[in-house]
Amino acid sequence: MAQINFTVFFIYILPVIVGLLLGLSLWKLRKTYLLSVLMILLDIVFWCILLNINTHGSEGPGILVTMYDLTTLAFSFIEIIKLIFRRHMK
């Protein structure tokens, strides 16, 4: 049971925490939405590459892309919150 918890933590929870911390650490910078757009474009490229790889018997590339998805999602979430916060403060 502990191994399942570690797996869930490293595949699903840790990438979200990394994305949130990355977004919060760049809170004061203005043009971080460009980094968010770049991460989304890279995510699309990674999915296109993943869909063309013969991965029968190996779920490694899919897990890595899922981890990157979650990091990008968390970072983009912080960017949206920052956008709403800055629009509201004006």
C-alpha atoms as a PDB file:
ATOM      1  CA  MET A   1       0.000   0.000   0.000  1.00  0.00           C
ATOM      2  CA  ALA A   2       2.867   2.387   0.724  1.00  0.00           C
ATOM      3  CA  GLN A   3       4.264   1.833  -2.776  1.00  0.00           C
ATOM      4  CA  ILE A   4       0.936   2.872  -4.313  1.00  0.00           C
ATOM      5  CA  ASN A   5       0.913   6.025  -2.202  1.00  0.00           C
ATOM      6  CA  PHE A   6       4.456   6.906  -3.329  1.00  0.00           C
ATOM      7  CA  THR A   7       3.502   6.314  -6.941  1.00  0.00           C
ATOM      8  CA  VAL A   8       0.434   8.519  -6.697  1.00  0.00           C
ATOM      9  CA  PHE A   9       2.459  11.201  -4.942  1.00  0.00           C
ATOM     10  CA  PHE A  10       5.270  11.293  -7.498  1.00  0.00           C
ATOM     11  CA  ILE A  11       3.066  11.015 -10.596  1.00  0.00           C
ATOM     12  CA  TYR A  12       0.105  13.214  -9.668  1.00  0.00           C
ATOM     13  CA  ILE A  13       0.682  15.334  -6.574  1.00  0.00           C
ATOM     14  CA  LEU A  14       4.340  16.375  -6.865  1.00  0.00           C
ATOM     15  CA  PRO A  15       3.999  17.840 -10.412  1.00  0.00           C
ATOM     16  CA  VAL A  16       1.032  19.933  -9.257  1.00  0.00           C
ATOM     17  CA  ILE A  17       3.039  21.208  -6.285  1.00  0.00           C
ATOM     18  CA  VAL A  18       5.989  22.032  -8.571  1.00  0.00           C
ATOM     19  CA  GLY A  19       3.717  23.932 -10.973  1.00  0.00           C
ATOM     20  CA  LEU A  20       2.094  25.874  -8.149  1.00  0.00           C
ATOM     21  CA  LEU A  21       5.449  26.754  -6.586  1.00  0.00           C
ATOM     22  CA  LEU A  22       6.848  27.808  -9.963  1.00  0.00           C
ATOM     23  CA  GLY A  23       3.848  30.039 -10.589  1.00  0.00           C
ATOM     24  CA  LEU A  24       3.972  31.552  -7.122  1.00  0.00           C
ATOM     25  CA  SER A  25       7.723  32.156  -7.287  1.00  0.00           C
ATOM     26  CA  LEU A  26       7.229  34.148 -10.509  1.00  0.00           C
ATOM     27  CA  TRP A  27       4.248  36.108  -9.164  1.00  0.00           C
ATOM     28  CA  LYS A  28       5.971  39.521  -9.270  1.00  0.00           C
ATOM     29  CA  LEU A  29       7.118  39.221 -12.889  1.00  0.00           C
ATOM     30  CA  ARG A  30       4.910  40.706 -15.579  1.00  0.00           C
ATOM     31  CA  LYS A  31       5.319  38.595 -18.728  1.00  0.00           C
ATOM     32  CA  THR A  32       5.133  35.114 -17.242  1.00  0.00           C
ATOM     33  CA  TYR A  33       2.095  34.352 -19.379  1.00  0.00           C
ATOM     34  CA  LEU A  34       4.583  33.868 -22.229  1.00  0.00           C
ATOM     35  CA  LEU A  35       6.168  31.051 -20.228  1.00  0.00           C
ATOM     36  CA  SER A  36       2.714  29.569 -19.714  1.00  0.00           C
ATOM     37  CA  VAL A  37       1.999  29.698 -23.465  1.00  0.00           C
ATOM     38  CA  LEU A  38       5.395  28.123 -24.181  1.00  0.00           C
ATOM     39  CA  MET A  39       4.676  25.326 -21.702  1.00  0.00           C
ATOM     40  CA  ILE A  40       1.302  24.672 -23.349  1.00  0.00           C
ATOM     41  CA  LEU A  41       2.885  24.555 -26.817  1.00  0.00           C
ATOM     42  CA  LEU A  42       5.550  22.148 -25.551  1.00  0.00           C
ATOM     43  CA  ASP A  43       2.809  20.042 -24.041  1.00  0.00           C
ATOM     44  CA  ILE A  44       1.100  19.789 -27.434  1.00  0.00           C
ATOM     45  CA  VAL A  45       4.404  18.797 -29.050  1.00  0.00           C
ATOM     46  CA  PHE A  46       5.026  16.161 -26.368  1.00  0.00           C
ATOM     47  CA  TRP A  47       1.567  14.667 -26.927  1.00  0.00           C
ATOM     48  CA  CYS A  48       2.120  14.561 -30.702  1.00  0.00           C
ATOM     49  CA  ILE A  49       5.428  12.782 -30.161  1.00  0.00           C
ATOM     50  CA  LEU A  50       3.875  10.399 -27.644  1.00  0.00           C
ATOM     51  CA  LEU A  51       1.043   9.444 -29.963  1.00  0.00           C
ATOM     52  CA  ASN A  52       3.533   8.434 -32.667  1.00  0.00           C
ATOM     53  CA  ILE A  53       5.787   6.301 -30.446  1.00  0.00           C
ATOM     54  CA  ASN A  54       5.268   2.565 -30.314  1.00  0.00           C
ATOM     55  CA  THR A  55       4.855   2.202 -26.541  1.00  0.00           C
ATOM     56  CA  HIS A  56       3.401  -1.284 -26.217  1.00  0.00           C
ATOM     57  CA  GLY A  57       4.479  -2.619 -22.841  1.00  0.00           C
ATOM     58  CA  SER A  58       5.964   0.656 -21.641  1.00  0.00           C
ATOM     59  CA  GLU A  59       3.909   3.364 -20.026  1.00  0.00           C
ATOM     60  CA  GLY A  60       6.942   5.525 -19.208  1.00  0.00           C
ATOM     61  CA  PRO A  61       6.485   8.198 -21.898  1.00  0.00           C
ATOM     62  CA  GLY A  62       2.793   8.498 -21.072  1.00  0.00           C
ATOM     63  CA  ILE A  63       3.541   8.967 -17.386  1.00  0.00           C
ATOM     64  CA  LEU A  64       6.151  11.640 -18.144  1.00  0.00           C
ATOM     65  CA  VAL A  65       3.753  13.537 -20.399  1.00  0.00           C
ATOM     66  CA  THR A  66       1.036  13.284 -17.753  1.00  0.00           C
ATOM     67  CA  MET A  67       3.414  14.699 -15.149  1.00  0.00           C
ATOM     68  CA  TYR A  68       4.291  17.579 -17.496  1.00  0.00           C
ATOM     69  CA  ASP A  69       0.558  18.120 -18.133  1.00  0.00           C
ATOM     70  CA  LEU A  70      -0.116  18.493 -14.435  1.00  0.00           C
ATOM     71  CA  THR A  71       2.798  20.901 -13.974  1.00  0.00           C
ATOM     72  CA  THR A  72       1.585  23.014 -16.900  1.00  0.00           C
ATOM     73  CA  LEU A  73      -1.978  22.936 -15.613  1.00  0.00           C
ATOM     74  CA  ALA A  74      -0.964  24.123 -12.135  1.00  0.00           C
ATOM     75  CA  PHE A  75       1.288  26.864 -13.552  1.00  0.00           C
ATOM     76  CA  SER A  76      -1.486  28.048 -15.896  1.00  0.00           C
ATOM     77  CA  PHE A  77      -3.938  28.036 -12.985  1.00  0.00           C
ATOM     78  CA  ILE A  78      -1.669  30.416 -11.064  1.00  0.00           C
ATOM     79  CA  GLU A  79      -1.363  32.596 -14.183  1.00  0.00           C
ATOM     80  CA  ILE A  80      -5.158  32.852 -14.464  1.00  0.00           C
ATOM     81  CA  ILE A  81      -5.458  33.738 -10.783  1.00  0.00           C
ATOM     82  CA  LYS A  82      -2.732  36.352 -11.201  1.00  0.00           C
ATOM     83  CA  LEU A  83      -4.535  37.835 -14.211  1.00  0.00           C
ATOM     84  CA  ILE A  84      -7.833  38.045 -12.318  1.00  0.00           C
ATOM     85  CA  PHE A  85      -6.090  39.500  -9.248  1.00  0.00           C
ATOM     86  CA  ARG A  86      -4.299  42.191 -11.254  1.00  0.00           C
ATOM     87  CA  ARG A  87      -7.442  43.146 -13.203  1.00  0.00           C
ATOM     88  CA  HIS A  88      -9.383  43.390  -9.968  1.00  0.00           C
ATOM     89  CA  MET A  89      -6.749  45.586  -8.269  1.00  0.00           C
ATOM     90  CA  LYS A  90      -6.780  48.245 -11.024  1.00  0.00           C
END
